[in-house]
């Protein structure tokens, strides 16, 4: 089947990805795995301070939610007055023009105080209509709709999931039929966060047979053309989350975003997945805030459990994961701000952060609180659904990782392996000797090129001495991560060369290969993030996270030096002196 122009564009954009380049190019562009502190304007900083102050105040006095258990209208109005909804909208349309990096930083801070308030902003300004309008909207669409979003008069939602499909956009059946200067929308969307009458939803549908993205201003009242479905969803139960049913709902044709709906959806999902990573940082801060006083006051056999090495190791692992997620969020948001497509990086951010959050929820939070974790009022019991749901939101992690492999490997297969196969086929064809020699010479070029590419991808075997002394050496960990990324390219290429088209059927092997790329990328990002930190505990947490990934990738047992570094980190973090969680510990103490 011939490749379309959009497919060619996809390949070119993916080839610019830092992860793609690190795996396939001659050298790893380490500078593209660095992050810097975002520059924040005074109006943006003021709005951020007001938002956090108001959310903290309402959490303290228990007034975030209304009698129905949902985020109250008063809370929503306060957030609008603070400038919460304006942050990502450009100043020309009534916004503050905050960068995505800055927005993600606030998102982490808000989630650390209250998860649903953070999810509202993520749905509106990362996954939802603010992001898509800024990138793809016409001038008329921006002028008409962005001010409404900035003022909070309409909150945004993202509606692609249907009863019969989630990640497979090709199976979408919702349809909009042209009727003069309007479209008549028919279909059903399922599990749509922030969906309610009066809001603005990005709705993926078919128009003239093509997948398109339609901005739907949901009516203020339900009727035969539009109504919502309510179900017993446990995750994010403090937010409006409904099914949307359309039956020839009239929508202005002017609300149809120009371009391929799939491109728009993937752009939104890239931002949404990175926003999830930022949210996990806040959730892990909440965890550490709940654990710090507990491990200091809970005694067993005459001593606080925080003095036990096993508990210190747990707390250290949580701190390492928190800093790893901070590093990945800072890196991936900066890439999106810089104009990178961020598809591979967004998947890495989402998968690593939510798997880390899942491990922290079960292996640290639950185990350390013990049976009390199941009591009302405990973070685990009250929010376990919110803590685990991100592993399946915006794509289930293993399915996402298989798609990640496809995007990562496509160009190498087309540009390197396919010519080599063709060349080898040409040599063995029964043709006259002179022509056969000429073809053999021509075939030698791709074979020689490939041999040289393979020869550059070797990873030195780690000696016990090197591993033991390198646990806190961030520069050494950076160098190893870069070499491991190059090695993953060789592993993937070898599998593709041996299996050919059969490789896609070996999903377990494909997942393992893709996961190794993700771990190596996170290791590189985290080691570089740690190297620019001044706080010694944050540096140590970054080093412990990078060292753990190094052991996974080299299939080595953790060293004694690693365990010492981890338990020493956990012992100090448990005292509440860990800078990333200081504000959360203070708030937790005030609300007990």
Protein backbone atom coordinates (compact mmCIF):
# COMPACT_ATOMS: atom_id res chain seq x y z
CA UNK A 1 0.00 0.00 0.00
CA UNK A 2 1.38 3.42 -0.93
CA UNK A 3 2.28 5.90 1.80
CA UNK A 4 0.24 9.10 2.03
CA UNK A 5 1.67 12.60 2.39
CA UNK A 6 0.48 12.70 6.01
CA UNK A 7 2.34 9.43 6.69
CA UNK A 8 5.52 10.94 5.23
CA UNK A 9 5.04 13.98 7.45
CA UNK A 10 4.60 11.70 10.47
CA UNK A 11 7.92 9.98 9.70
CA UNK A 12 9.76 13.30 9.33
CA UNK A 13 8.33 14.71 12.56
CA UNK A 14 9.12 11.53 14.48
CA UNK A 15 12.66 11.54 13.12
CA UNK A 16 13.16 14.94 14.81
CA UNK A 17 12.22 13.46 18.18
CA UNK A 18 15.11 13.46 20.68
CA UNK A 19 14.32 9.85 21.60
CA UNK A 20 14.21 8.78 17.95
CA UNK A 21 17.54 10.48 17.30
CA UNK A 22 19.13 8.98 20.42
CA UNK A 23 18.22 5.46 19.31
CA UNK A 24 19.04 5.71 15.60
CA UNK A 25 21.49 8.58 14.95
CA UNK A 26 25.26 8.37 15.15
CA UNK A 27 25.38 10.29 18.43
CA UNK A 28 22.94 10.85 21.29
CA UNK A 29 21.89 14.54 21.48
CA UNK A 30 22.26 14.70 25.26
CA UNK A 31 21.45 18.42 25.26
CA UNK A 32 17.90 17.59 24.11
CA UNK A 33 17.37 15.57 27.29
CA UNK A 34 18.16 18.56 29.50
CA UNK A 35 15.57 20.85 31.05
CA UNK A 36 15.74 24.35 32.49
CA UNK A 37 13.61 26.34 34.90
CA UNK A 38 10.78 28.07 33.00
CA UNK A 39 10.69 31.88 32.94
CA UNK A 40 7.46 33.01 34.61
CA UNK A 41 6.01 36.48 34.02
CA UNK A 42 4.68 38.48 36.97
CA UNK A 43 0.99 38.25 35.89
CA UNK A 44 1.29 34.47 35.52
CA UNK A 45 3.07 34.09 38.86
CA UNK A 46 0.44 36.23 40.57
CA UNK A 47 -2.37 34.10 39.14
CA UNK A 48 -0.59 30.92 40.20
CA UNK A 49 -0.16 32.23 43.75
CA UNK A 50 -3.83 33.21 43.98
CA UNK A 51 -5.00 29.84 42.67
CA UNK A 52 -2.90 27.90 45.17
CA UNK A 53 -3.92 30.14 48.05
CA UNK A 54 -7.63 29.73 47.28
CA UNK A 55 -7.45 25.97 46.80
CA UNK A 56 -5.47 25.53 50.04
CA UNK A 57 -7.96 27.70 51.93
CA UNK A 58 -10.94 25.71 50.70
CA UNK A 59 -9.23 22.40 51.43
CA UNK A 60 -8.57 23.59 55.00
CA UNK A 61 -12.19 24.61 55.59
CA UNK A 62 -13.68 21.68 53.64
CA UNK A 63 -15.54 23.80 51.07
CA UNK A 64 -14.10 22.51 47.78
CA UNK A 65 -17.17 20.36 47.09
CA UNK A 66 -20.85 21.18 47.11
CA UNK A 67 -23.72 19.18 48.66
CA UNK A 68 -23.73 16.88 45.60
CA UNK A 69 -20.09 15.94 46.18
CA UNK A 70 -18.92 17.70 43.02
CA UNK A 71 -16.51 20.63 42.80
CA UNK A 72 -18.76 23.51 43.79
CA UNK A 73 -19.83 26.38 41.54
CA UNK A 74 -18.32 28.76 44.11
CA UNK A 75 -14.95 27.03 43.77
CA UNK A 76 -15.17 27.27 39.97
CA UNK A 77 -15.98 30.99 40.19
CA UNK A 78 -13.07 31.60 42.56
CA UNK A 79 -10.74 29.84 40.14
CA UNK A 80 -12.03 32.00 37.28
CA UNK A 81 -11.41 35.17 39.31
CA UNK A 82 -7.90 33.95 40.16
CA UNK A 83 -7.07 33.48 36.46
CA UNK A 84 -6.90 29.67 36.52
CA UNK A 85 -8.69 29.21 33.21
CA UNK A 86 -6.78 32.11 31.59
CA UNK A 87 -3.30 30.69 32.11
CA UNK A 88 -2.82 28.87 28.81
CA UNK A 89 -4.94 31.18 26.62
CA UNK A 90 -2.92 33.74 24.65
CA UNK A 91 -3.17 37.41 25.71
CA UNK A 92 -4.86 38.38 22.43
CA UNK A 93 -7.91 36.40 23.58
CA UNK A 94 -8.02 37.39 27.23
CA UNK A 95 -5.44 34.98 28.58
CA UNK A 96 -2.08 35.14 30.32
CA UNK A 97 -0.05 33.16 27.78
CA UNK A 98 1.70 30.85 30.24
CA UNK A 99 4.05 28.31 28.71
CA UNK A 100 3.12 24.66 28.95
CA UNK A 101 6.12 24.14 31.25
CA UNK A 102 4.80 26.77 33.65
CA UNK A 103 1.27 25.41 33.46
CA UNK A 104 2.51 21.89 34.24
CA UNK A 105 4.45 23.17 37.25
CA UNK A 106 1.26 24.72 38.65
CA UNK A 107 -0.64 21.55 37.83
CA UNK A 108 1.72 19.54 40.05
CA UNK A 109 1.28 22.05 42.86
CA UNK A 110 -2.51 22.05 42.60
CA UNK A 111 -2.80 18.26 42.45
CA UNK A 112 -0.66 18.03 45.58
CA UNK A 113 -3.42 20.00 47.32
CA UNK A 114 -6.53 18.66 45.54
CA UNK A 115 -6.57 16.16 42.69
CA UNK A 116 -9.93 17.07 41.03
CA UNK A 117 -9.06 20.77 40.72
CA UNK A 118 -5.89 19.79 38.87
CA UNK A 119 -7.77 17.41 36.58
CA UNK A 120 -10.19 20.22 35.64
CA UNK A 121 -7.36 22.37 34.34
CA UNK A 122 -5.68 19.47 32.56
CA UNK A 123 -8.91 18.57 30.77
CA UNK A 124 -9.50 22.16 29.74
CA UNK A 125 -6.05 23.40 28.82
CA UNK A 126 -3.88 20.33 28.08
CA UNK A 127 -6.08 17.66 26.55
CA UNK A 128 -9.06 19.84 25.73
CA UNK A 129 -10.17 22.74 23.54
CA UNK A 130 -7.65 25.38 24.64
CA UNK A 131 -4.76 23.31 23.29
CA UNK A 132 -6.50 22.39 20.04
CA UNK A 133 -7.77 25.91 19.36
CA UNK A 134 -4.34 27.44 19.94
CA UNK A 135 -2.71 24.98 17.53
CA UNK A 136 -5.38 24.40 14.88
CA UNK A 137 -8.20 26.92 15.27
CA UNK A 138 -9.03 29.52 12.65
CA UNK A 139 -8.85 33.18 13.63
CA UNK A 140 -12.65 33.29 13.77
CA UNK A 141 -12.82 30.24 16.02
CA UNK A 142 -10.19 31.63 18.36
CA UNK A 143 -11.85 35.06 18.56
CA UNK A 144 -15.24 33.51 19.34
CA UNK A 145 -14.37 30.62 21.68
CA UNK A 146 -11.09 31.28 23.47
CA UNK A 147 -12.42 34.26 25.50
CA UNK A 148 -15.27 32.07 26.78
CA UNK A 149 -12.76 29.46 27.92
CA UNK A 150 -10.46 32.08 29.47
CA UNK A 151 -13.27 33.53 31.57
CA UNK A 152 -14.49 30.09 32.62
CA UNK A 153 -17.89 30.69 31.02
CA UNK A 154 -17.38 27.39 29.25
CA UNK A 155 -15.18 24.61 30.62
CA UNK A 156 -13.62 22.16 28.19
CA UNK A 157 -13.84 18.42 27.56
CA UNK A 158 -12.25 15.96 25.13
CA UNK A 159 -14.60 13.38 23.62
CA UNK A 160 -13.19 10.57 21.49
CA UNK A 161 -14.02 7.39 23.48
CA UNK A 162 -17.15 5.52 22.41
CA UNK A 163 -18.88 2.41 23.79
CA UNK A 164 -17.24 0.35 21.04
CA UNK A 165 -13.78 1.92 20.87
CA UNK A 166 -11.17 3.78 22.84
CA UNK A 167 -7.64 3.93 21.43
CA UNK A 168 -8.61 2.68 17.94
CA UNK A 169 -9.73 5.94 16.33
CA UNK A 170 -10.53 4.13 13.08
CA UNK A 171 -13.52 2.49 14.78
CA UNK A 172 -15.21 5.80 15.67
CA UNK A 173 -18.80 5.83 14.42
CA UNK A 174 -20.13 9.21 15.61
CA UNK A 175 -21.09 11.13 12.48
CA UNK A 176 -21.85 14.74 11.55
CA UNK A 177 -23.94 15.19 8.39
CA UNK A 178 -23.84 18.47 6.50
CA UNK A 179 -27.04 20.47 6.46
CA UNK A 180 -26.43 23.89 4.91
CA UNK A 181 -24.25 25.97 7.22
CA UNK A 182 -24.54 23.49 10.05
CA UNK A 183 -23.71 19.88 10.88
CA UNK A 184 -26.15 17.41 12.40
CA UNK A 185 -24.24 15.35 14.98
CA UNK A 186 -25.31 11.79 15.86
CA UNK A 187 -23.52 9.30 18.09
CA UNK A 188 -22.48 8.46 21.64
CA UNK A 189 -19.34 9.25 23.63
CA UNK A 190 -18.40 7.44 26.83
CA UNK A 191 -16.36 8.29 29.97
CA UNK A 192 -15.92 11.98 29.18
CA UNK A 193 -14.42 13.96 32.07
CA UNK A 194 -15.76 17.48 32.58
CA UNK A 195 -18.72 16.75 30.31
CA UNK A 196 -21.94 18.51 31.27
CA UNK A 197 -24.53 20.82 29.73
CA UNK A 198 -23.13 24.25 28.91
CA UNK A 199 -19.55 23.13 28.36
CA UNK A 200 -17.35 22.97 25.25
CA UNK A 201 -16.23 19.58 23.98
CA UNK A 202 -13.78 18.48 21.33
CA UNK A 203 -15.80 15.72 19.62
CA UNK A 204 -14.12 13.31 17.22
CA UNK A 205 -16.56 12.33 14.49
CA UNK A 206 -16.84 11.45 10.84
CA UNK A 207 -17.65 14.17 8.33
CA UNK A 208 -18.00 13.13 4.71
CA UNK A 209 -16.37 9.84 5.72
CA UNK A 210 -13.22 11.47 7.16
CA UNK A 211 -12.27 11.70 10.83
CA UNK A 212 -12.55 15.32 11.94
CA UNK A 213 -12.53 17.25 15.21
CA UNK A 214 -15.67 19.26 15.91
CA UNK A 215 -15.98 21.88 18.66
CA UNK A 216 -19.38 21.31 20.20
CA UNK A 217 -20.92 23.94 22.47
CA UNK A 218 -23.05 21.61 24.55
CA UNK A 219 -26.57 22.99 25.06
CA UNK A 220 -27.46 24.34 28.50
CA UNK A 221 -30.42 21.96 28.68
CA UNK A 222 -30.86 18.36 27.69
CA UNK A 223 -33.49 17.38 25.12
CA UNK A 224 -34.09 14.83 22.38
CA UNK A 225 -31.06 16.11 20.41
CA UNK A 226 -28.62 15.99 23.34
CA UNK A 227 -28.54 14.28 26.71
CA UNK A 228 -25.98 12.89 29.13
CA UNK A 229 -25.61 9.42 30.60
CA UNK A 230 -24.68 8.94 34.24
CA UNK A 231 -22.95 5.82 35.57
CA UNK A 232 -21.23 4.72 38.77
CA UNK A 233 -17.66 5.78 37.99
CA UNK A 234 -15.43 5.61 41.08
CA UNK A 235 -12.41 7.50 39.73
CA UNK A 236 -12.62 11.30 39.91
CA UNK A 237 -16.10 11.07 41.38
CA UNK A 238 -15.94 14.74 42.43
CA UNK A 239 -16.02 15.81 38.76
CA UNK A 240 -18.69 15.77 36.12
CA UNK A 241 -18.06 12.58 34.12
CA UNK A 242 -20.77 11.47 31.74
CA UNK A 243 -21.60 9.84 28.49
CA UNK A 244 -22.76 12.20 25.74
CA UNK A 245 -25.57 11.17 23.41
CA UNK A 246 -26.27 13.18 20.25
CA UNK A 247 -29.24 12.71 17.94
CA UNK A 248 -28.96 15.08 14.99
CA UNK A 249 -27.71 17.87 17.27
CA UNK A 250 -27.23 21.04 15.15
CA UNK A 251 -23.66 22.37 15.38
CA UNK A 252 -22.37 25.32 13.32
CA UNK A 253 -20.19 24.11 10.47
CA UNK A 254 -17.86 26.96 11.47
CA UNK A 255 -16.96 24.91 14.57
CA UNK A 256 -15.20 22.25 12.49
CA UNK A 257 -11.46 22.47 13.09
CA UNK A 258 -9.49 22.46 9.83
CA UNK A 259 -7.34 19.44 9.04
CA UNK A 260 -7.15 15.76 9.82
CA UNK A 261 -8.97 14.96 13.06
CA UNK A 262 -6.43 12.29 13.93
CA UNK A 263 -3.57 14.78 13.84
CA UNK A 264 -5.52 17.12 16.12
CA UNK A 265 -6.40 14.28 18.50
CA UNK A 266 -2.78 13.09 18.74
CA UNK A 267 -1.61 16.65 19.38
CA UNK A 268 -4.08 16.92 22.25
CA UNK A 269 -3.17 13.48 23.59
CA UNK A 270 0.54 14.33 23.55
CA UNK A 271 -0.20 17.32 25.79
CA UNK A 272 -2.66 15.35 27.90
CA UNK A 273 -0.19 12.55 28.57
CA UNK A 274 2.51 14.97 29.66
CA UNK A 275 -0.04 16.70 31.91
CA UNK A 276 -0.77 13.33 33.52
CA UNK A 277 2.94 13.07 34.33
CA UNK A 278 2.82 16.47 36.00
CA UNK A 279 -0.23 15.33 37.95
CA UNK A 280 1.53 12.22 39.27
CA UNK A 281 4.15 14.48 40.83
CA UNK A 282 1.42 16.12 42.89
CA UNK A 283 -0.11 12.78 43.85
CA UNK A 284 3.24 11.44 45.08
CA UNK A 285 3.77 14.62 47.08
CA UNK A 286 0.47 13.87 48.82
CA UNK A 287 1.70 10.35 49.55
CA UNK A 288 4.94 11.52 51.13
CA UNK A 289 3.02 14.14 53.10
CA UNK A 290 0.82 11.39 54.58
CA UNK A 291 3.76 9.08 55.29
CA UNK A 292 6.22 11.51 56.91
CA UNK A 293 4.36 11.99 60.22
CA UNK A 294 3.12 8.39 60.25
CA UNK A 295 6.52 6.73 60.08
CA UNK A 296 7.84 9.06 62.81
CA UNK A 297 4.98 8.44 65.27
CA UNK A 298 3.99 4.82 64.57
CA UNK A 299 6.05 2.56 66.84
CA UNK A 300 6.64 -1.17 66.73
CA UNK A 301 8.78 -3.06 69.23
CA UNK A 302 9.77 0.16 70.96
CA UNK A 303 10.95 2.22 67.97
CA UNK A 304 9.35 4.34 65.21
CA UNK A 305 8.89 2.40 61.99
CA UNK A 306 10.77 5.20 60.25
CA UNK A 307 13.94 3.89 61.87
CA UNK A 308 13.55 0.53 60.11
CA UNK A 309 15.64 0.04 57.01
CA UNK A 310 12.75 -1.59 55.13
CA UNK A 311 10.54 1.46 55.63
CA UNK A 312 13.40 3.83 54.81
CA UNK A 313 13.92 1.94 51.56
CA UNK A 314 10.24 2.36 50.70
CA UNK A 315 10.26 6.08 51.41
CA UNK A 316 13.49 6.46 49.45
CA UNK A 317 11.98 4.66 46.45
CA UNK A 318 8.97 6.98 46.56
CA UNK A 319 11.18 10.06 46.72
CA UNK A 320 13.25 8.75 43.80
CA UNK A 321 10.14 8.19 41.71
CA UNK A 322 8.79 11.62 42.56
CA UNK A 323 11.98 13.32 41.38
CA UNK A 324 12.11 11.08 38.30
CA UNK A 325 8.60 12.18 37.37
CA UNK A 326 9.51 15.82 38.04
CA UNK A 327 12.45 15.43 35.69
CA UNK A 328 10.39 13.84 32.91
CA UNK A 329 7.61 16.42 33.27
CA UNK A 330 10.09 19.31 33.05
CA UNK A 331 11.78 17.77 29.99
CA UNK A 332 8.68 16.79 28.04
CA UNK A 333 6.82 20.08 28.62
CA UNK A 334 9.88 22.01 27.50
CA UNK A 335 9.98 19.99 24.27
CA UNK A 336 6.32 20.77 23.58
CA UNK A 337 6.99 24.45 24.21
CA UNK A 338 9.89 24.22 21.78
CA UNK A 339 7.67 22.99 18.95
CA UNK A 340 8.51 19.29 19.09
CA UNK A 341 5.67 16.94 18.30
CA UNK A 342 6.35 15.00 21.49
CA UNK A 343 4.56 11.79 20.58
CA UNK A 344 7.31 9.42 21.75
CA UNK A 345 8.21 11.64 24.69
CA UNK A 346 4.57 11.99 25.74
CA UNK A 347 4.16 8.22 25.86
CA UNK A 348 7.34 7.90 27.93
CA UNK A 349 6.11 10.58 30.33
CA UNK A 350 2.69 8.99 30.75
CA UNK A 351 3.84 5.37 31.04
CA UNK A 352 6.78 5.96 33.38
CA UNK A 353 4.89 8.33 35.68
CA UNK A 354 1.73 6.27 36.01
CA UNK A 355 3.57 2.99 36.49
CA UNK A 356 5.67 4.72 39.16
CA UNK A 357 2.49 6.02 40.78
CA UNK A 358 0.95 2.55 40.72
CA UNK A 359 4.02 1.03 42.37
CA UNK A 360 4.08 3.80 44.98
CA UNK A 361 0.37 3.34 45.74
CA UNK A 362 0.58 -0.40 46.35
CA UNK A 363 4.16 -1.03 47.44
CA UNK A 364 4.71 2.09 49.55
CA UNK A 365 1.46 3.78 50.58
CA UNK A 366 -0.61 0.65 51.25
CA UNK A 367 2.15 -1.42 52.82
CA UNK A 368 3.43 1.36 55.05
CA UNK A 369 0.03 2.41 56.39
CA UNK A 370 -0.97 -1.24 56.70
CA UNK A 371 -4.56 -2.03 57.61
CA UNK A 372 -5.22 1.64 58.41
CA UNK A 373 -4.86 2.36 54.72
CA UNK A 374 -8.34 0.88 54.30
CA UNK A 375 -10.01 3.24 56.79
CA UNK A 376 -12.07 6.24 55.70
CA UNK A 377 -9.94 9.36 55.77
CA UNK A 378 -6.75 7.61 54.70
CA UNK A 379 -5.30 8.77 51.38
CA UNK A 380 -5.24 5.21 50.03
CA UNK A 381 -8.84 4.39 50.92
CA UNK A 382 -10.22 7.75 49.81
CA UNK A 383 -8.33 8.12 46.54
CA UNK A 384 -7.14 4.69 45.41
CA UNK A 385 -9.20 4.96 42.21
CA UNK A 386 -7.68 8.34 41.36
CA UNK A 387 -4.19 6.99 42.05
CA UNK A 388 -4.58 3.94 39.79
CA UNK A 389 -6.83 5.32 37.03
CA UNK A 390 -4.04 7.21 35.20
CA UNK A 391 -2.52 3.89 34.08
CA UNK A 392 -5.46 3.45 31.69
CA UNK A 393 -6.41 7.08 30.94
CA UNK A 394 -5.20 8.51 27.59
CA UNK A 395 -4.33 4.95 26.57
CA UNK A 396 -3.58 1.80 28.57
CA UNK A 397 0.15 1.64 29.20
CA UNK A 398 1.05 -1.63 27.47
CA UNK A 399 -1.02 -0.75 24.38
CA UNK A 400 0.60 2.68 24.30
CA UNK A 401 4.03 1.06 24.51
CA UNK A 402 3.29 -1.16 21.50
CA UNK A 403 2.29 1.94 19.54
CA UNK A 404 5.45 3.64 20.75
CA UNK A 405 7.50 0.82 19.23
CA UNK A 406 5.75 1.22 15.88
CA UNK A 407 6.49 4.94 15.72
CA UNK A 408 10.08 4.45 16.85
CA UNK A 409 10.96 1.65 14.43
CA UNK A 410 9.12 2.66 11.24
CA UNK A 411 11.75 4.94 9.70
CA UNK A 412 14.60 2.50 10.42
CA UNK A 413 12.71 -0.29 8.73
CA UNK A 414 11.95 1.82 5.66
CA UNK A 415 15.26 3.62 5.28
CA UNK A 416 17.81 1.02 6.41
CA UNK A 417 16.48 -2.52 6.52
CA UNK A 418 14.28 -2.44 3.42
CA UNK A 419 17.14 -1.32 1.06
CA UNK A 420 19.42 -3.94 2.58
CA UNK A 421 16.85 -6.70 1.96
CA UNK A 422 16.38 -5.48 -1.60
CA UNK A 423 20.13 -5.45 -2.14
CA UNK A 424 20.55 -8.98 -0.83
CA UNK A 425 17.71 -10.13 -3.04
CA UNK A 426 19.40 -8.56 -6.07
CA UNK A 427 22.63 -10.48 -5.49
CA UNK A 428 20.95 -13.88 -5.54
CA UNK A 429 18.87 -13.35 -8.67
CA UNK A 430 19.89 -15.56 -11.70
CA UNK A 431 21.24 -12.84 -14.01
CA UNK A 432 24.33 -12.65 -16.29
CA UNK A 433 27.66 -12.58 -14.48
CA UNK A 434 28.63 -8.98 -15.40
CA UNK A 435 25.27 -7.61 -14.22
CA UNK A 436 25.40 -9.80 -11.14
CA UNK A 437 28.80 -8.32 -10.19
CA UNK A 438 27.45 -4.80 -10.68
CA UNK A 439 24.50 -5.52 -8.45
CA UNK A 440 26.75 -7.05 -5.81
CA UNK A 441 28.85 -3.88 -5.76
CA UNK A 442 25.68 -1.81 -5.39
CA UNK A 443 24.45 -4.12 -2.66
CA UNK A 444 27.66 -3.64 -0.74
CA UNK A 445 26.85 0.00 -0.03
CA UNK A 446 23.83 -0.54 2.25
CA UNK A 447 25.46 -3.62 3.78
CA UNK A 448 28.67 -1.72 4.57
CA UNK A 449 26.69 1.22 5.93
CA UNK A 450 24.66 -1.08 8.15
CA UNK A 451 27.77 -2.89 9.38
CA UNK A 452 29.31 0.43 10.39
CA UNK A 453 26.11 1.46 12.16
CA UNK A 454 26.09 -1.83 14.10
CA UNK A 455 29.75 -1.51 15.05
CA UNK A 456 29.15 1.79 16.83
CA UNK A 457 26.52 0.30 19.15
CA UNK A 458 28.30 -1.59 21.89
CA UNK A 459 27.92 -1.12 25.63
CA UNK A 460 30.87 -1.80 27.89
CA UNK A 461 30.26 -4.50 30.48
CA UNK A 462 29.89 -3.00 33.96
CA UNK A 463 32.37 -4.11 36.58
CA UNK A 464 31.24 -4.43 40.21
CA UNK A 465 33.64 -1.66 41.20
CA UNK A 466 32.22 0.71 38.59
CA UNK A 467 28.65 -0.04 39.60
CA UNK A 468 29.38 0.36 43.26
CA UNK A 469 31.06 3.77 43.00
CA UNK A 470 28.69 5.18 40.37
CA UNK A 471 25.42 5.16 42.33
CA UNK A 472 25.65 8.90 43.03
CA UNK A 473 27.80 9.86 40.03
CA UNK A 474 25.26 11.61 37.82
CA UNK A 475 27.71 12.24 34.98
CA UNK A 476 28.61 8.54 34.85
CA UNK A 477 24.93 7.64 34.84
CA UNK A 478 24.35 10.11 32.00
CA UNK A 479 27.07 8.51 29.92
CA UNK A 480 25.75 5.01 30.56
CA UNK A 481 22.19 6.03 29.70
CA UNK A 482 23.35 7.48 26.37
CA UNK A 483 25.21 4.28 25.52
CA UNK A 484 22.23 2.16 26.53
CA UNK A 485 19.97 4.17 24.22
CA UNK A 486 22.31 3.42 21.33
CA UNK A 487 22.33 -0.24 22.37
CA UNK A 488 18.53 -0.41 22.28
CA UNK A 489 18.68 0.63 18.63
CA UNK A 490 20.88 -2.37 17.88
CA UNK A 491 18.55 -4.70 19.80
CA UNK A 492 15.51 -3.42 17.91
CA UNK A 493 17.25 -3.55 14.54
CA UNK A 494 18.44 -7.11 15.14
CA UNK A 495 14.91 -8.22 16.05
CA UNK A 496 13.46 -6.50 12.97
CA UNK A 497 16.10 -8.00 10.69
CA UNK A 498 15.58 -11.53 12.01
CA UNK A 499 11.80 -11.54 12.31
CA UNK A 500 10.76 -9.18 9.54
CA UNK A 501 6.99 -8.74 9.43
CA UNK A 502 6.51 -11.48 12.01
CA UNK A 503 7.88 -9.26 14.78
CA UNK A 504 4.56 -7.42 15.15
CA UNK A 505 2.94 -10.70 16.22
CA UNK A 506 5.43 -11.14 19.08
CA UNK A 507 3.88 -8.50 21.28
CA UNK A 508 5.66 -9.57 24.47
CA UNK A 509 9.07 -9.20 22.79
CA UNK A 510 8.08 -5.89 21.20
CA UNK A 511 6.90 -4.57 24.56
CA UNK A 512 10.18 -5.55 26.22
CA UNK A 513 12.24 -3.78 23.54
CA UNK A 514 10.15 -0.62 23.72
CA UNK A 515 10.20 -0.60 27.51
CA UNK A 516 14.00 -0.68 27.50
CA UNK A 517 14.06 2.44 25.32
CA UNK A 518 11.68 4.17 27.71
CA UNK A 519 13.74 3.26 30.77
CA UNK A 520 16.99 4.42 29.15
CA UNK A 521 15.42 7.73 28.13
CA UNK A 522 14.08 8.33 31.65
CA UNK A 523 17.47 7.41 33.08
CA UNK A 524 19.16 10.01 30.88
CA UNK A 525 16.56 12.71 31.63
CA UNK A 526 16.65 12.07 35.37
CA UNK A 527 20.44 12.07 35.61
CA UNK A 528 20.64 15.40 33.76
CA UNK A 529 17.85 16.88 35.89
CA UNK A 530 19.61 15.77 39.05
CA UNK A 531 22.90 17.28 37.88
CA UNK A 532 21.37 20.78 37.77
CA UNK A 533 19.82 20.58 41.24
CA UNK A 534 21.37 22.33 44.23
CA UNK A 535 19.43 20.50 46.95
CA UNK A 536 21.55 17.43 47.92
CA UNK A 537 18.45 15.31 48.72
CA UNK A 538 16.92 15.99 45.31
CA UNK A 539 20.24 15.15 43.64
CA UNK A 540 20.46 11.91 45.61
CA UNK A 541 16.86 11.00 44.73
CA UNK A 542 17.59 11.56 41.04
CA UNK A 543 20.74 9.43 41.27
CA UNK A 544 18.87 6.60 43.01
CA UNK A 545 16.19 6.60 40.30
CA UNK A 546 18.77 6.59 37.51
CA UNK A 547 20.80 3.86 39.23
CA UNK A 548 17.73 1.66 39.65
CA UNK A 549 16.99 1.97 35.92
CA UNK A 550 20.63 1.18 35.14
CA UNK A 551 20.33 -2.08 37.10
CA UNK A 552 17.13 -2.98 35.24
CA UNK A 553 18.69 -2.29 31.85
CA UNK A 554 21.94 -4.13 32.55
CA UNK A 555 20.07 -6.93 34.35
CA UNK A 556 22.27 -6.49 37.41
CA UNK A 557 21.40 -7.02 41.07
CA UNK A 558 21.26 -3.80 43.13
CA UNK A 559 24.58 -3.13 44.84
CA UNK A 560 25.15 -2.52 48.52
CA UNK A 561 26.08 1.08 47.68
CA UNK A 562 22.70 1.55 46.00
CA UNK A 563 20.79 0.24 49.03
CA UNK A 564 22.82 2.46 51.36
CA UNK A 565 22.12 5.53 49.25
CA UNK A 566 18.40 4.67 49.05
CA UNK A 567 17.90 4.03 52.75
CA UNK A 568 19.87 7.14 53.73
CA UNK A 569 17.65 9.13 51.36
CA UNK A 570 14.50 7.60 52.84
CA UNK A 571 15.61 8.28 56.42
CA UNK A 572 16.02 11.98 55.67
CA UNK A 573 12.89 12.32 53.54
CA UNK A 574 10.79 10.72 56.28
CA UNK A 575 11.64 13.59 58.62
CA UNK A 576 9.70 16.02 56.39
CA UNK A 577 12.77 17.98 55.26
CA UNK A 578 12.39 17.00 51.58
CA UNK A 579 11.91 20.25 49.62
CA UNK A 580 9.52 18.87 46.95
CA UNK A 581 7.01 17.87 49.65
CA UNK A 582 7.52 20.55 52.31
CA UNK A 583 4.34 22.49 51.40
CA UNK A 584 2.28 19.28 51.22
CA UNK A 585 3.49 18.17 54.66
CA UNK A 586 2.55 21.57 56.09
CA UNK A 587 -0.95 21.45 54.55
CA UNK A 588 -1.49 17.85 55.70
CA UNK A 589 -0.64 18.88 59.27
CA UNK A 590 -3.05 21.85 59.10
CA UNK A 591 -5.98 19.75 57.87
CA UNK A 592 -5.64 16.80 60.27
